Amino acid sequence: MHNICCLVYNRKDPDSVQRMQKLISVCIEDAARLGYGEYRTHIAYMDQIAGTYNWSADGKGNAIMNLNNTLKDALDPNGILAPGKSGIWPARYRKKQVS
């Protein structure tokens, strides 16, 4: 099942733009909490959406991102192919994770 939503707002009004950005972020969070995920999005939301797929069998999370990072590093060691696409960044751009 797919839900496609067209949100109309005034791109020339900074307040309208800010409220729309907040609405999209909240919708992503709410959908993830209910077990739904985005599969395609604007580049501005790729990191947030990648973060919603943070489950793993051991309960520590991030299994799918760890796999994606491993594949990215193996197939694109210089990190030149679509850096950040779908929230998958080359090693040199990744934020340091706190254990």
C-alpha atoms as a PDB file:
ATOM      1  CA  MET A   1       0.000   0.000   0.000  1.00  0.00           C
ATOM      2  CA  HIS A   2       1.251   3.463  -0.841  1.00  0.00           C
ATOM      3  CA  ASN A   3       0.087   6.767   0.509  1.00  0.00           C
ATOM      4  CA  ILE A   4       0.988   9.733  -1.636  1.00  0.00           C
ATOM      5  CA  CYS A   5       0.341  13.122  -0.124  1.00  0.00           C
ATOM      6  CA  CYS A   6       0.531  16.479  -1.863  1.00  0.00           C
ATOM      7  CA  LEU A   7       1.033  19.305   0.612  1.00  0.00           C
ATOM      8  CA  VAL A   8       0.402  22.775  -0.764  1.00  0.00           C
ATOM      9  CA  TYR A   9       2.099  25.802   0.766  1.00  0.00           C
ATOM     10  CA  ASN A  10       3.505  29.202  -0.189  1.00  0.00           C
ATOM     11  CA  ARG A  11       7.187  28.745  -1.043  1.00  0.00           C
ATOM     12  CA  LYS A  12       7.721  32.519  -0.943  1.00  0.00           C
ATOM     13  CA  ASP A  13       6.546  32.815   2.676  1.00  0.00           C
ATOM     14  CA  PRO A  14       9.335  31.798   5.115  1.00  0.00           C
ATOM     15  CA  ASP A  15       6.820  31.008   7.874  1.00  0.00           C
ATOM     16  CA  SER A  16       4.846  28.746   5.555  1.00  0.00           C
ATOM     17  CA  VAL A  17       8.037  26.969   4.479  1.00  0.00           C
ATOM     18  CA  GLN A  18       9.140  26.454   8.093  1.00  0.00           C
ATOM     19  CA  ARG A  19       5.739  25.071   9.123  1.00  0.00           C
ATOM     20  CA  MET A  20       5.728  22.704   6.128  1.00  0.00           C
ATOM     21  CA  GLN A  21       9.208  21.409   6.971  1.00  0.00           C
ATOM     22  CA  LYS A  22       8.120  20.766  10.560  1.00  0.00           C
ATOM     23  CA  LEU A  23       4.954  19.024   9.369  1.00  0.00           C
ATOM     24  CA  ILE A  24       6.921  16.693   7.112  1.00  0.00           C
ATOM     25  CA  SER A  25       9.340  15.812   9.924  1.00  0.00           C
ATOM     26  CA  VAL A  26       6.471  15.101  12.311  1.00  0.00           C
ATOM     27  CA  CYS A  27       4.715  12.937   9.696  1.00  0.00           C
ATOM     28  CA  ILE A  28       7.912  10.905   9.206  1.00  0.00           C
ATOM     29  CA  GLU A  29       8.244  10.389  12.979  1.00  0.00           C
ATOM     30  CA  ASP A  30       4.577   9.458  13.403  1.00  0.00           C
ATOM     31  CA  ALA A  31       4.638   7.006  10.491  1.00  0.00           C
ATOM     32  CA  ALA A  32       7.801   5.346  11.828  1.00  0.00           C
ATOM     33  CA  ARG A  33       6.272   5.014  15.284  1.00  0.00           C
ATOM     34  CA  LEU A  34       3.344   3.169  13.669  1.00  0.00           C
ATOM     35  CA  GLY A  35       5.693   0.866  11.761  1.00  0.00           C
ATOM     36  CA  TYR A  36       5.538   2.566   8.377  1.00  0.00           C
ATOM     37  CA  GLY A  37       8.532   3.803   6.478  1.00  0.00           C
ATOM     38  CA  GLU A  38       9.348   6.083   3.633  1.00  0.00           C
ATOM     39  CA  TYR A  39      10.999   4.570   0.625  1.00  0.00           C
ATOM     40  CA  ARG A  40      11.561   7.711  -1.416  1.00  0.00           C
ATOM     41  CA  THR A  41      11.918  11.285  -0.269  1.00  0.00           C
ATOM     42  CA  HIS A  42      13.445  14.680  -0.846  1.00  0.00           C
ATOM     43  CA  ILE A  43      17.163  14.800  -0.093  1.00  0.00           C
ATOM     44  CA  ALA A  44      16.534  17.092   2.868  1.00  0.00           C
ATOM     45  CA  TYR A  45      14.819  14.229   4.731  1.00  0.00           C
ATOM     46  CA  MET A  46      17.009  11.250   3.763  1.00  0.00           C
ATOM     47  CA  ASP A  47      19.025  11.251   6.986  1.00  0.00           C
ATOM     48  CA  GLN A  48      15.906  11.426   9.140  1.00  0.00           C
ATOM     49  CA  ILE A  49      14.244   8.603   7.237  1.00  0.00           C
ATOM     50  CA  ALA A  50      17.374   6.444   7.300  1.00  0.00           C
ATOM     51  CA  GLY A  51      17.288   6.868  11.078  1.00  0.00           C
ATOM     52  CA  THR A  52      13.805   5.362  11.229  1.00  0.00           C
ATOM     53  CA  TYR A  53      15.184   2.053   9.936  1.00  0.00           C
ATOM     54  CA  ASN A  54      17.313   1.493  13.030  1.00  0.00           C
ATOM     55  CA  TRP A  55      16.113  -1.945  14.138  1.00  0.00           C
ATOM     56  CA  SER A  56      18.176  -5.084  14.567  1.00  0.00           C
ATOM     57  CA  ALA A  57      17.838  -8.592  15.967  1.00  0.00           C
ATOM     58  CA  ASP A  58      20.065  -7.812  18.968  1.00  0.00           C
ATOM     59  CA  GLY A  59      17.936  -4.827  19.985  1.00  0.00           C
ATOM     60  CA  LYS A  60      20.861  -2.404  19.740  1.00  0.00           C
ATOM     61  CA  GLY A  61      19.647  -0.907  16.491  1.00  0.00           C
ATOM     62  CA  ASN A  62      21.302   0.298  13.329  1.00  0.00           C
ATOM     63  CA  ALA A  63      21.762  -3.138  11.728  1.00  0.00           C
ATOM     64  CA  ILE A  64      20.590  -1.996   8.312  1.00  0.00           C
ATOM     65  CA  MET A  65      22.711   1.179   8.433  1.00  0.00           C
ATOM     66  CA  ASN A  66      25.767  -0.825   9.479  1.00  0.00           C
ATOM     67  CA  LEU A  67      25.188  -3.100   6.466  1.00  0.00           C
ATOM     68  CA  ASN A  68      24.677  -0.107   4.169  1.00  0.00           C
ATOM     69  CA  ASN A  69      27.858   1.555   5.443  1.00  0.00           C
ATOM     70  CA  THR A  70      29.856  -1.644   4.978  1.00  0.00           C
ATOM     71  CA  LEU A  71      28.601  -2.010   1.411  1.00  0.00           C
ATOM     72  CA  LYS A  72      29.225   1.689   0.679  1.00  0.00           C
ATOM     73  CA  ASP A  73      32.805   1.443   1.928  1.00  0.00           C
ATOM     74  CA  ALA A  74      33.469  -1.748  -0.057  1.00  0.00           C
ATOM     75  CA  LEU A  75      31.895  -0.654  -3.336  1.00  0.00           C
ATOM     76  CA  ASP A  76      32.757   3.057  -3.202  1.00  0.00           C
ATOM     77  CA  PRO A  77      35.852   3.441  -1.016  1.00  0.00           C
ATOM     78  CA  ASN A  78      36.454   7.020  -2.185  1.00  0.00           C
ATOM     79  CA  GLY A  79      32.861   8.012  -1.425  1.00  0.00           C
ATOM     80  CA  ILE A  80      32.215   9.695  -4.767  1.00  0.00           C
ATOM     81  CA  LEU A  81      28.975   7.987  -5.837  1.00  0.00           C
ATOM     82  CA  ALA A  82      25.897   9.834  -4.546  1.00  0.00           C
ATOM     83  CA  PRO A  83      27.217  10.761  -1.092  1.00  0.00           C
ATOM     84  CA  GLY A  84      24.344  10.953   1.385  1.00  0.00           C
ATOM     85  CA  LYS A  85      21.781   9.307  -0.897  1.00  0.00           C
ATOM     86  CA  SER A  86      19.225   7.507   1.252  1.00  0.00           C
ATOM     87  CA  GLY A  87      21.138   8.621   4.346  1.00  0.00           C
ATOM     88  CA  ILE A  88      24.210   6.549   3.433  1.00  0.00           C
ATOM     89  CA  TRP A  89      27.325   8.683   3.710  1.00  0.00           C
ATOM     90  CA  PRO A  90      30.952   7.917   2.860  1.00  0.00           C
ATOM     91  CA  ALA A  91      33.121   7.162   5.891  1.00  0.00           C
ATOM     92  CA  ARG A  92      34.743  10.613   5.869  1.00  0.00           C
ATOM     93  CA  TYR A  93      31.350  12.333   6.254  1.00  0.00           C
ATOM     94  CA  ARG A  94      29.768  10.109   8.881  1.00  0.00           C
ATOM     95  CA  LYS A  95      29.196  11.569  12.311  1.00  0.00           C
ATOM     96  CA  LYS A  96      31.206   9.936  15.035  1.00  0.00           C
ATOM     97  CA  GLN A  97      28.920   7.608  16.939  1.00  0.00           C
ATOM     98  CA  VAL A  98      29.019   7.576  20.715  1.00  0.00           C
ATOM     99  CA  SER A  99      29.060   4.109  22.244  1.00  0.00           C
END
